[in-house]
């Protein structure tokens, strides 16, 4: 039996949250290990990596960050009014499907939006 689009969205959404959790842990560790007053090149490299990740950013009253295209494709939707984030996934000929994430996983996505795209978002609020 084939996997449902909801199962695929959940799997991909949770995988992306896991990637973000690991990435931000590496960034925090890099900051903790930097020498007093010095630049933190590892932190900057990881941050640059995060900013280079999306394929596009579309801002309305919600910010759409396209993470991948084709089949499958994924995106983040950040609502400027409610300050909530959804991870959405779709495969060929399927509708966009919101991953069912836990509150803690959603918090990781919100932190990602604030830490990586905060400056972009502030310009449109």
C-alpha atoms as a PDB file:
ATOM      1  CA  UNK A   1       0.000   0.000   0.000  1.00  0.00           C
ATOM      2  CA  UNK A   2       1.370   3.410  -0.885  1.00  0.00           C
ATOM      3  CA  UNK A   3       2.038   6.149   1.602  1.00  0.00           C
ATOM      4  CA  UNK A   4      -0.642   8.867   1.843  1.00  0.00           C
ATOM      5  CA  UNK A   5       0.169  12.490   1.087  1.00  0.00           C
ATOM      6  CA  UNK A   6      -0.471  13.293   4.770  1.00  0.00           C
ATOM      7  CA  UNK A   7       2.051  10.630   5.843  1.00  0.00           C
ATOM      8  CA  UNK A   8       4.586  12.052   3.376  1.00  0.00           C
ATOM      9  CA  UNK A   9       3.974  15.612   4.580  1.00  0.00           C
ATOM     10  CA  UNK A  10       4.397  14.519   8.205  1.00  0.00           C
ATOM     11  CA  UNK A  11       7.610  12.611   7.457  1.00  0.00           C
ATOM     12  CA  UNK A  12       9.175  15.455   5.479  1.00  0.00           C
ATOM     13  CA  UNK A  13       8.026  18.112   7.965  1.00  0.00           C
ATOM     14  CA  UNK A  14       9.490  16.244  10.923  1.00  0.00           C
ATOM     15  CA  UNK A  15      12.723  15.636   8.999  1.00  0.00           C
ATOM     16  CA  UNK A  16      13.048  19.362   8.269  1.00  0.00           C
ATOM     17  CA  UNK A  17      12.429  20.238  11.926  1.00  0.00           C
ATOM     18  CA  UNK A  18      15.102  17.708  12.950  1.00  0.00           C
ATOM     19  CA  UNK A  19      17.548  19.308  10.497  1.00  0.00           C
ATOM     20  CA  UNK A  20      16.796  22.781  11.936  1.00  0.00           C
ATOM     21  CA  UNK A  21      17.186  21.563  15.513  1.00  0.00           C
ATOM     22  CA  UNK A  22      20.605  20.088  14.712  1.00  0.00           C
ATOM     23  CA  UNK A  23      21.672  23.174  12.760  1.00  0.00           C
ATOM     24  CA  UNK A  24      20.730  25.620  15.520  1.00  0.00           C
ATOM     25  CA  UNK A  25      22.450  23.422  18.106  1.00  0.00           C
ATOM     26  CA  UNK A  26      25.630  23.637  15.997  1.00  0.00           C
ATOM     27  CA  UNK A  27      25.234  27.420  15.743  1.00  0.00           C
ATOM     28  CA  UNK A  28      24.714  27.812  19.501  1.00  0.00           C
ATOM     29  CA  UNK A  29      27.703  25.560  20.203  1.00  0.00           C
ATOM     30  CA  UNK A  30      29.852  27.606  17.812  1.00  0.00           C
ATOM     31  CA  UNK A  31      28.911  30.797  19.666  1.00  0.00           C
ATOM     32  CA  UNK A  32      29.666  29.222  23.044  1.00  0.00           C
ATOM     33  CA  UNK A  33      33.103  28.067  21.846  1.00  0.00           C
ATOM     34  CA  UNK A  34      34.178  31.303  20.177  1.00  0.00           C
ATOM     35  CA  UNK A  35      36.960  33.296  21.732  1.00  0.00           C
ATOM     36  CA  UNK A  36      35.949  36.453  23.597  1.00  0.00           C
ATOM     37  CA  UNK A  37      35.297  39.297  21.204  1.00  0.00           C
ATOM     38  CA  UNK A  38      36.356  37.319  18.157  1.00  0.00           C
ATOM     39  CA  UNK A  39      34.380  36.560  15.061  1.00  0.00           C
ATOM     40  CA  UNK A  40      32.628  33.256  14.906  1.00  0.00           C
ATOM     41  CA  UNK A  41      33.324  31.994  11.398  1.00  0.00           C
ATOM     42  CA  UNK A  42      31.615  28.640  11.912  1.00  0.00           C
ATOM     43  CA  UNK A  43      28.428  30.400  13.071  1.00  0.00           C
ATOM     44  CA  UNK A  44      28.557  32.726  10.054  1.00  0.00           C
ATOM     45  CA  UNK A  45      29.095  29.796   7.677  1.00  0.00           C
ATOM     46  CA  UNK A  46      26.123  27.896   9.094  1.00  0.00           C
ATOM     47  CA  UNK A  47      23.948  31.028   8.980  1.00  0.00           C
ATOM     48  CA  UNK A  48      24.932  31.633   5.339  1.00  0.00           C
ATOM     49  CA  UNK A  49      23.997  28.016   4.617  1.00  0.00           C
ATOM     50  CA  UNK A  50      20.523  28.553   6.096  1.00  0.00           C
ATOM     51  CA  UNK A  51      19.956  31.746   4.139  1.00  0.00           C
ATOM     52  CA  UNK A  52      21.009  30.081   0.881  1.00  0.00           C
ATOM     53  CA  UNK A  53      18.607  27.185   1.435  1.00  0.00           C
ATOM     54  CA  UNK A  54      15.252  28.481   0.143  1.00  0.00           C
ATOM     55  CA  UNK A  55      14.464  28.634  -3.548  1.00  0.00           C
ATOM     56  CA  UNK A  56      12.252  31.689  -3.082  1.00  0.00           C
ATOM     57  CA  UNK A  57      10.598  33.886  -0.459  1.00  0.00           C
ATOM     58  CA  UNK A  58       7.135  35.316  -1.182  1.00  0.00           C
ATOM     59  CA  UNK A  59       5.698  37.837   1.283  1.00  0.00           C
ATOM     60  CA  UNK A  60       2.060  38.925   1.589  1.00  0.00           C
ATOM     61  CA  UNK A  61       0.276  38.879   4.966  1.00  0.00           C
ATOM     62  CA  UNK A  62       2.045  35.602   5.099  1.00  0.00           C
ATOM     63  CA  UNK A  63       5.587  34.779   4.167  1.00  0.00           C
ATOM     64  CA  UNK A  64       6.061  31.842   1.834  1.00  0.00           C
ATOM     65  CA  UNK A  65       9.516  30.273   1.770  1.00  0.00           C
ATOM     66  CA  UNK A  66       9.838  27.706  -0.988  1.00  0.00           C
ATOM     67  CA  UNK A  67      12.308  25.043   0.146  1.00  0.00           C
ATOM     68  CA  UNK A  68      12.192  22.617  -2.770  1.00  0.00           C
ATOM     69  CA  UNK A  69      10.378  22.114  -6.072  1.00  0.00           C
ATOM     70  CA  UNK A  70       9.378  19.277  -8.306  1.00  0.00           C
ATOM     71  CA  UNK A  71       8.001  16.108  -6.889  1.00  0.00           C
ATOM     72  CA  UNK A  72       8.080  16.368  -3.970  1.00  0.00           C
ATOM     73  CA  UNK A  73       8.205  20.048  -3.055  1.00  0.00           C
ATOM     74  CA  UNK A  74       8.007  21.789   0.303  1.00  0.00           C
ATOM     75  CA  UNK A  75       7.518  25.244   1.765  1.00  0.00           C
ATOM     76  CA  UNK A  76       7.110  27.162   4.996  1.00  0.00           C
ATOM     77  CA  UNK A  77       4.143  29.504   5.478  1.00  0.00           C
ATOM     78  CA  UNK A  78       4.546  32.124   8.205  1.00  0.00           C
ATOM     79  CA  UNK A  79       1.406  34.097   9.086  1.00  0.00           C
ATOM     80  CA  UNK A  80       2.385  37.662  10.014  1.00  0.00           C
ATOM     81  CA  UNK A  81      -0.772  38.255  12.056  1.00  0.00           C
ATOM     82  CA  UNK A  82      -0.816  35.100  14.184  1.00  0.00           C
ATOM     83  CA  UNK A  83       2.979  34.511  14.086  1.00  0.00           C
ATOM     84  CA  UNK A  84       2.465  30.829  13.312  1.00  0.00           C
ATOM     85  CA  UNK A  85       4.375  28.658  10.850  1.00  0.00           C
ATOM     86  CA  UNK A  86       3.228  25.700   8.800  1.00  0.00           C
ATOM     87  CA  UNK A  87       5.429  23.203   6.984  1.00  0.00           C
ATOM     88  CA  UNK A  88       3.656  22.154   3.791  1.00  0.00           C
ATOM     89  CA  UNK A  89       4.480  19.366   1.377  1.00  0.00           C
ATOM     90  CA  UNK A  90       3.129  18.180  -1.945  1.00  0.00           C
ATOM     91  CA  UNK A  91       4.001  15.559  -4.490  1.00  0.00           C
ATOM     92  CA  UNK A  92       3.082  15.339  -8.149  1.00  0.00           C
ATOM     93  CA  UNK A  93      -0.631  16.039  -8.759  1.00  0.00           C
ATOM     94  CA  UNK A  94      -1.345  16.313  -5.034  1.00  0.00           C
ATOM     95  CA  UNK A  95      -2.546  19.369  -3.065  1.00  0.00           C
ATOM     96  CA  UNK A  96      -0.356  21.231  -0.596  1.00  0.00           C
ATOM     97  CA  UNK A  97      -0.642  19.323   2.683  1.00  0.00           C
ATOM     98  CA  UNK A  98       0.247  20.763   6.084  1.00  0.00           C
ATOM     99  CA  UNK A  99       2.425  18.476   8.198  1.00  0.00           C
ATOM    100  CA  UNK A 100       0.965  17.536  11.563  1.00  0.00           C
ATOM    101  CA  UNK A 101       3.696  18.630  13.967  1.00  0.00           C
ATOM    102  CA  UNK A 102       3.891  18.786  17.723  1.00  0.00           C
ATOM    103  CA  UNK A 103       3.932  22.124  19.556  1.00  0.00           C
ATOM    104  CA  UNK A 104       7.670  21.702  20.181  1.00  0.00           C
ATOM    105  CA  UNK A 105       8.310  21.057  16.481  1.00  0.00           C
ATOM    106  CA  UNK A 106       6.252  24.120  15.534  1.00  0.00           C
ATOM    107  CA  UNK A 107       8.329  26.141  18.030  1.00  0.00           C
ATOM    108  CA  UNK A 108      11.478  25.090  16.135  1.00  0.00           C
ATOM    109  CA  UNK A 109       9.944  26.404  12.903  1.00  0.00           C
ATOM    110  CA  UNK A 110       9.028  29.714  14.567  1.00  0.00           C
ATOM    111  CA  UNK A 111      12.553  30.025  15.965  1.00  0.00           C
ATOM    112  CA  UNK A 112      13.927  29.307  12.476  1.00  0.00           C
ATOM    113  CA  UNK A 113      11.787  32.082  10.985  1.00  0.00           C
ATOM    114  CA  UNK A 114      12.875  34.556  13.655  1.00  0.00           C
ATOM    115  CA  UNK A 115      16.573  33.679  13.625  1.00  0.00           C
ATOM    116  CA  UNK A 116      17.037  33.303   9.878  1.00  0.00           C
ATOM    117  CA  UNK A 117      14.437  35.549   8.265  1.00  0.00           C
ATOM    118  CA  UNK A 118      13.608  37.976  11.083  1.00  0.00           C
ATOM    119  CA  UNK A 119      14.992  40.992   9.220  1.00  0.00           C
ATOM    120  CA  UNK A 120      12.978  40.199   6.117  1.00  0.00           C
ATOM    121  CA  UNK A 121       9.796  39.687   8.104  1.00  0.00           C
ATOM    122  CA  UNK A 122      10.206  42.899  10.137  1.00  0.00           C
ATOM    123  CA  UNK A 123      10.267  44.935   6.923  1.00  0.00           C
ATOM    124  CA  UNK A 124       6.753  43.757   6.048  1.00  0.00           C
ATOM    125  CA  UNK A 125       4.970  43.756   9.402  1.00  0.00           C
END
